[in-house]
Amino acid sequence: MATRSAPATSKRRAKRRGEPLPDVEALRRMIAELEALELPTEDGDRIESDWHVVSLALLDEVVRMHLGEPTNYFCGGNMFLYFSLDQAQEIIEYVNAEQEARKPRFKGPDFFLVKGVDGTKPRDCWIAWKEGGRYPDLIVEFVSSSTRRKDVDKNVRFYQDVFRTPEYFWFDRRTNELKGYRRSGEGAYVEILPNEKGWLWSEVLQAYCGTWEGVYRGRRYVWLRLYDREGRLVPTGQEAAQQLAEQERLRAEQERQRAEQERLRAEQERLRAERAEQRIAELEAELRRLRSEQAG
């Protein structure tokens, strides 16, 4: 995916609108301001439901299980995502304000994935201008009653027009609604159509997003999970270990059955050999009897 830096974007937009291009010195000052910002990584105001918190952990885990070691991707959630100087300053003012301040325009998605970066690098937040202008390739929002309007309506336009994120999904567990959007060649989001099971295919993940009801970390809920191309549930680490243990148990059982079959075959051979020896002895006895009669 092409990188999208704030200064380059400003130039392109200005050119399209026929406005004068930004002054080079002004751009340099803006870049210097961005580099000098001390950006908050927390706002002290995060209160999520148990399902919401555990859902993020589950999605993060299965994505990593599906994609493997994060040497060429980064996935995170509930962390600040900085995309412009104005937005960064709004967050700084909000977090540092002693009195009530205006809520910032945007903080960060519930879950996001960026491809083509080193995911092993520690990050407290995602700062687009320090990541080569990279924005998320995939975003997932978990809808709540307080965020539904933003997630279902506003974020669709925001991720489409500002981040130009290739794929956006949202899931509302209260209604079991799962929606997905993919950017078309013209730049507009097109809704992803579900398959016969209601799953949505993600080109970014090369997997289906779908619901699954079961127990994770001791909680039974309907969760958002991944399914591979063949329709198999992408396992968690614990599920993968259980599957491996079950495969080992089945292999051991098969070995036991093969050993038992070999024992039975050996026993049959022994019995056949005993019967053959007994028959030979009977025939030899009969032959001696006949010879004895002929001799008499």
Protein backbone atom coordinates (compact mmCIF):
# COMPACT_ATOMS: atom_id res chain seq x y z
CA MET A 1 0.00 0.00 0.00
CA ALA A 2 1.30 3.45 -0.87
CA THR A 3 2.33 5.60 2.04
CA ARG A 4 0.31 8.71 2.77
CA SER A 5 2.15 11.57 4.48
CA ALA A 6 0.35 14.67 5.67
CA PRO A 7 2.52 17.23 3.76
CA ALA A 8 2.27 15.31 0.47
CA THR A 9 -1.49 14.99 0.88
CA SER A 10 -1.79 18.75 1.46
CA LYS A 11 0.10 19.44 -1.78
CA ARG A 12 -2.09 17.13 -3.83
CA ARG A 13 -5.32 18.57 -2.42
CA ALA A 14 -4.14 22.13 -2.95
CA LYS A 15 -3.18 21.35 -6.54
CA ARG A 16 -6.60 19.79 -7.25
CA ARG A 17 -8.43 22.81 -5.82
CA GLY A 18 -6.26 25.30 -7.68
CA GLU A 19 -4.88 26.74 -4.46
CA PRO A 20 -1.25 27.89 -4.14
CA LEU A 21 1.08 25.15 -2.94
CA PRO A 22 2.16 25.40 0.73
CA ASP A 23 5.31 27.37 1.36
CA VAL A 24 8.38 25.12 1.74
CA GLU A 25 9.44 26.89 4.92
CA ALA A 26 5.93 26.50 6.32
CA LEU A 27 6.11 22.79 5.61
CA ARG A 28 9.47 22.57 7.33
CA ARG A 29 8.11 24.37 10.36
CA MET A 30 5.13 22.03 10.48
CA ILE A 31 7.41 18.99 10.30
CA ALA A 32 9.58 20.44 13.05
CA GLU A 33 6.48 21.02 15.18
CA LEU A 34 5.39 17.41 14.64
CA GLU A 35 8.79 16.08 15.61
CA ALA A 36 8.87 18.22 18.76
CA LEU A 37 5.46 17.18 20.09
CA GLU A 38 5.34 15.17 23.30
CA LEU A 39 2.42 12.93 22.41
CA PRO A 40 0.26 11.33 25.14
CA THR A 41 -0.22 7.58 25.01
CA GLU A 42 -3.07 7.47 27.55
CA ASP A 43 -6.02 9.68 28.43
CA GLY A 44 -7.00 8.12 31.78
CA ASP A 45 -10.57 7.78 30.52
CA ARG A 46 -10.82 4.28 29.04
CA ILE A 47 -13.70 2.25 30.47
CA GLU A 48 -14.69 -0.80 28.44
CA SER A 49 -17.02 -3.75 29.04
CA ASP A 50 -15.54 -7.13 29.86
CA TRP A 51 -16.64 -8.48 26.47
CA HIS A 52 -15.01 -5.55 24.69
CA VAL A 53 -11.65 -5.96 26.41
CA VAL A 54 -11.54 -9.74 25.94
CA SER A 55 -12.71 -9.44 22.31
CA LEU A 56 -9.69 -7.30 21.50
CA ALA A 57 -7.39 -9.87 23.07
CA LEU A 58 -9.06 -12.70 21.13
CA LEU A 59 -8.91 -10.92 17.78
CA ASP A 60 -5.29 -9.92 18.31
CA GLU A 61 -4.40 -13.51 19.21
CA VAL A 62 -6.08 -15.20 16.25
CA VAL A 63 -4.69 -12.64 13.78
CA ARG A 64 -1.19 -13.42 15.04
CA MET A 65 -1.90 -17.16 14.91
CA HIS A 66 -3.07 -16.75 11.31
CA LEU A 67 -0.30 -14.45 10.06
CA GLY A 68 2.59 -15.83 12.09
CA GLU A 69 5.41 -13.88 13.69
CA PRO A 70 4.86 -10.10 13.27
CA THR A 71 8.04 -9.41 11.33
CA ASN A 72 6.15 -7.74 8.46
CA TYR A 73 2.99 -6.40 10.11
CA PHE A 74 1.84 -4.56 13.22
CA CYS A 75 -1.49 -5.00 14.93
CA GLY A 76 -2.70 -2.97 17.86
CA GLY A 77 -5.84 -1.69 19.50
CA ASN A 78 -7.19 0.94 21.85
CA MET A 79 -4.09 3.03 21.31
CA PHE A 80 -3.75 6.58 20.03
CA LEU A 81 -3.32 6.90 16.29
CA TYR A 82 -1.87 10.29 15.34
CA PHE A 83 -2.45 11.45 11.78
CA SER A 84 -2.10 15.26 11.75
CA LEU A 85 -0.65 18.16 13.74
CA ASP A 86 -4.08 19.65 14.53
CA GLN A 87 -5.43 16.33 15.79
CA ALA A 88 -2.30 15.72 17.88
CA GLN A 89 -2.60 19.15 19.51
CA GLU A 90 -6.28 18.52 20.29
CA ILE A 91 -5.38 15.30 22.12
CA ILE A 92 -2.53 16.98 24.01
CA GLU A 93 -4.86 19.78 25.13
CA TYR A 94 -7.57 17.29 26.14
CA VAL A 95 -5.25 15.03 28.13
CA ASN A 96 -3.37 17.87 29.84
CA ALA A 97 -6.34 20.16 30.47
CA GLU A 98 -7.10 20.93 34.11
CA GLN A 99 -10.58 22.03 33.13
CA GLU A 100 -13.00 20.40 30.71
CA ALA A 101 -11.63 20.47 27.18
CA ARG A 102 -13.15 19.75 23.80
CA LYS A 103 -13.16 16.04 22.97
CA PRO A 104 -10.53 15.26 20.32
CA ARG A 105 -11.69 14.29 16.85
CA PHE A 106 -10.14 10.86 16.96
CA LYS A 107 -8.05 8.65 19.22
CA GLY A 108 -7.72 5.22 17.72
CA PRO A 109 -9.60 2.16 16.45
CA ASP A 110 -10.44 -0.82 18.61
CA PHE A 111 -8.19 -2.96 16.41
CA PHE A 112 -6.02 -2.13 13.43
CA LEU A 113 -3.44 -3.84 11.24
CA VAL A 114 -0.62 -2.23 9.27
CA LYS A 115 1.25 -4.40 6.77
CA GLY A 116 4.83 -4.03 5.60
CA VAL A 117 6.27 -2.82 8.92
CA ASP A 118 8.27 -4.39 11.73
CA GLY A 119 5.65 -5.47 14.25
CA THR A 120 8.24 -6.47 16.83
CA LYS A 121 9.19 -2.82 17.38
CA PRO A 122 7.67 -1.53 20.67
CA ARG A 123 5.08 1.23 20.17
CA ASP A 124 2.97 3.09 22.73
CA CYS A 125 0.95 4.72 19.96
CA TRP A 126 0.89 4.87 16.17
CA ILE A 127 2.35 8.08 14.76
CA ALA A 128 1.76 8.15 11.00
CA TRP A 129 4.51 10.64 10.16
CA LYS A 130 7.05 8.51 12.05
CA GLU A 131 5.95 5.36 10.22
CA GLY A 132 6.65 6.51 6.69
CA GLY A 133 3.14 7.94 6.33
CA ARG A 134 1.57 4.53 6.80
CA TYR A 135 -2.03 4.19 7.91
CA PRO A 136 -3.97 1.04 8.82
CA ASP A 137 -4.65 -1.50 6.09
CA LEU A 138 -7.44 -3.03 8.18
CA ILE A 139 -9.59 -1.60 10.98
CA VAL A 140 -12.13 -3.38 13.20
CA GLU A 141 -14.49 -1.59 15.57
CA PHE A 142 -16.58 -3.31 18.27
CA VAL A 143 -19.86 -1.39 18.47
CA SER A 144 -21.39 -0.35 21.77
CA SER A 145 -24.52 1.66 22.48
CA SER A 146 -22.43 4.80 22.96
CA THR A 147 -20.29 4.33 19.82
CA ARG A 148 -22.80 2.89 17.33
CA ARG A 149 -23.48 6.16 15.49
CA LYS A 150 -19.75 6.87 15.20
CA ASP A 151 -18.74 3.33 14.20
CA VAL A 152 -21.60 2.70 11.77
CA ASP A 153 -21.75 6.13 10.10
CA LYS A 154 -18.96 8.59 10.85
CA ASN A 155 -16.06 6.14 10.91
CA VAL A 156 -17.03 4.71 7.52
CA ARG A 157 -16.47 8.13 5.93
CA PHE A 158 -13.44 8.91 8.08
CA TYR A 159 -11.57 5.68 7.30
CA GLN A 160 -12.56 5.95 3.65
CA ASP A 161 -11.56 9.58 3.07
CA VAL A 162 -8.88 10.41 5.67
CA PHE A 163 -7.01 7.16 6.31
CA ARG A 164 -8.01 5.58 2.98
CA THR A 165 -7.96 2.26 4.81
CA PRO A 166 -8.46 -0.64 2.35
CA GLU A 167 -10.85 -2.57 4.65
CA TYR A 168 -13.08 -1.63 7.57
CA PHE A 169 -15.24 -4.01 9.66
CA TRP A 170 -17.58 -3.38 12.57
CA PHE A 171 -19.36 -5.89 14.82
CA ASP A 172 -22.29 -5.26 17.18
CA ARG A 173 -22.68 -8.18 19.57
CA ARG A 174 -26.05 -6.94 20.80
CA THR A 175 -27.56 -7.56 17.36
CA ASN A 176 -24.87 -9.93 16.00
CA GLU A 177 -24.48 -7.52 13.06
CA LEU A 178 -21.21 -7.78 11.19
CA LYS A 179 -20.48 -5.34 8.37
CA GLY A 180 -17.42 -4.95 6.21
CA TYR A 181 -16.30 -2.41 3.61
CA ARG A 182 -13.56 -2.53 1.00
CA ARG A 183 -12.19 0.47 -0.89
CA SER A 184 -12.93 0.36 -4.60
CA GLY A 185 -10.63 1.57 -7.35
CA GLU A 186 -12.44 4.91 -7.22
CA GLY A 187 -11.66 5.27 -3.52
CA ALA A 188 -15.17 4.74 -2.16
CA TYR A 189 -16.10 2.00 0.27
CA VAL A 190 -18.16 -0.88 -1.14
CA GLU A 191 -19.92 -3.19 1.29
CA ILE A 192 -18.46 -6.72 1.43
CA LEU A 193 -21.14 -9.32 0.73
CA PRO A 194 -21.36 -12.26 3.15
CA ASN A 195 -21.06 -15.88 2.06
CA GLU A 196 -23.71 -18.50 2.83
CA LYS A 197 -22.48 -18.68 6.45
CA GLY A 198 -22.60 -14.93 6.94
CA TRP A 199 -18.82 -14.58 6.93
CA LEU A 200 -17.04 -11.67 5.24
CA TRP A 201 -13.86 -12.26 3.23
CA SER A 202 -10.88 -10.03 4.06
CA GLU A 203 -8.37 -9.54 1.26
CA VAL A 204 -5.95 -7.99 3.74
CA LEU A 205 -6.00 -11.00 6.09
CA GLN A 206 -6.72 -13.62 3.42
CA ALA A 207 -9.29 -15.02 5.82
CA TYR A 208 -13.01 -14.78 6.61
CA CYS A 209 -14.32 -12.66 9.50
CA GLY A 210 -17.28 -14.36 11.14
CA THR A 211 -18.99 -14.95 14.45
CA TRP A 212 -18.39 -17.90 16.77
CA GLU A 213 -20.13 -18.78 20.01
CA GLY A 214 -17.99 -20.47 22.62
CA VAL A 215 -15.77 -20.07 25.65
CA TYR A 216 -12.65 -17.91 25.62
CA ARG A 217 -10.78 -17.08 28.82
CA GLY A 218 -13.64 -18.49 30.86
CA ARG A 219 -16.31 -16.34 29.18
CA ARG A 220 -19.04 -17.68 26.91
CA TYR A 221 -20.14 -15.10 24.36
CA VAL A 222 -20.58 -14.64 20.66
CA TRP A 223 -17.13 -13.54 19.48
CA LEU A 224 -15.64 -12.20 16.26
CA ARG A 225 -13.27 -14.86 14.90
CA LEU A 226 -11.30 -15.71 11.75
CA TYR A 227 -11.83 -18.66 9.42
CA ASP A 228 -9.25 -19.73 6.85
CA ARG A 229 -9.87 -20.13 3.11
CA GLU A 230 -11.09 -23.71 3.65
CA GLY A 231 -13.58 -22.55 6.28
CA ARG A 232 -11.65 -23.84 9.28
CA LEU A 233 -11.69 -21.81 12.49
CA VAL A 234 -8.33 -20.13 13.09
CA PRO A 235 -7.42 -21.46 16.55
CA THR A 236 -6.20 -19.60 19.58
CA GLY A 237 -2.93 -20.75 21.12
CA GLN A 238 -4.79 -22.89 23.65
CA GLU A 239 -7.05 -24.38 20.98
CA ALA A 240 -4.02 -25.16 18.80
CA ALA A 241 -2.34 -26.90 21.76
CA GLN A 242 -5.53 -28.88 22.43
CA GLN A 243 -5.74 -29.85 18.76
CA LEU A 244 -2.11 -30.97 18.82
CA ALA A 245 -2.71 -32.98 22.00
CA GLU A 246 -5.78 -34.60 20.41
CA GLN A 247 -3.78 -35.44 17.28
CA GLU A 248 -1.09 -37.02 19.47
CA ARG A 249 -3.75 -38.98 21.36
CA LEU A 250 -5.24 -40.24 18.09
CA ARG A 251 -1.79 -41.20 16.79
CA ALA A 252 -1.08 -43.09 20.03
CA GLU A 253 -4.45 -44.84 19.76
CA GLN A 254 -3.75 -45.78 16.16
CA GLU A 255 -0.35 -47.16 17.18
CA ARG A 256 -2.01 -49.16 19.97
CA GLN A 257 -4.57 -50.55 17.53
CA ARG A 258 -1.84 -51.47 15.01
CA ALA A 259 0.13 -53.21 17.76
CA GLU A 260 -2.99 -55.12 18.82
CA GLN A 261 -3.66 -56.14 15.23
CA GLU A 262 -0.08 -57.37 14.91
CA ARG A 263 -0.49 -59.37 18.14
CA LEU A 264 -3.70 -60.93 16.86
CA ARG A 265 -2.08 -61.80 13.53
CA ALA A 266 0.85 -63.39 15.35
CA GLU A 267 -1.57 -65.36 17.55
CA GLN A 268 -3.47 -66.55 14.49
CA GLU A 269 -0.22 -67.64 12.86
CA ARG A 270 0.73 -69.49 16.04
CA LEU A 271 -2.63 -71.25 16.18
CA ARG A 272 -2.42 -72.15 12.51
CA ALA A 273 1.06 -73.52 13.08
CA GLU A 274 -0.13 -75.52 16.11
CA ARG A 275 -3.09 -76.88 14.18
CA ALA A 276 -0.84 -77.76 11.26
CA GLU A 277 1.58 -79.60 13.59
CA GLN A 278 -1.31 -81.40 15.25
CA ARG A 279 -2.72 -82.45 11.89
CA ILE A 280 0.68 -83.66 10.75
CA ALA A 281 1.00 -85.67 13.95
CA GLU A 282 -2.46 -87.15 13.37
CA LEU A 283 -1.62 -88.08 9.79
CA GLU A 284 1.70 -89.63 10.83
CA ALA A 285 -0.12 -91.65 13.49
CA GLU A 286 -2.68 -92.81 10.92
CA LEU A 287 0.08 -93.73 8.48
CA ARG A 288 1.87 -95.81 11.15
CA ARG A 289 -1.40 -97.56 11.94
CA LEU A 290 -1.99 -98.45 8.30
CA ARG A 291 1.53 -99.73 7.92
CA SER A 292 1.10 -101.80 11.05
CA GLU A 293 -2.09 -103.36 9.68
CA GLN A 294 -0.43 -104.15 6.37
CA ALA A 295 2.52 -105.71 8.14
CA GLY A 296 0.19 -107.88 10.24
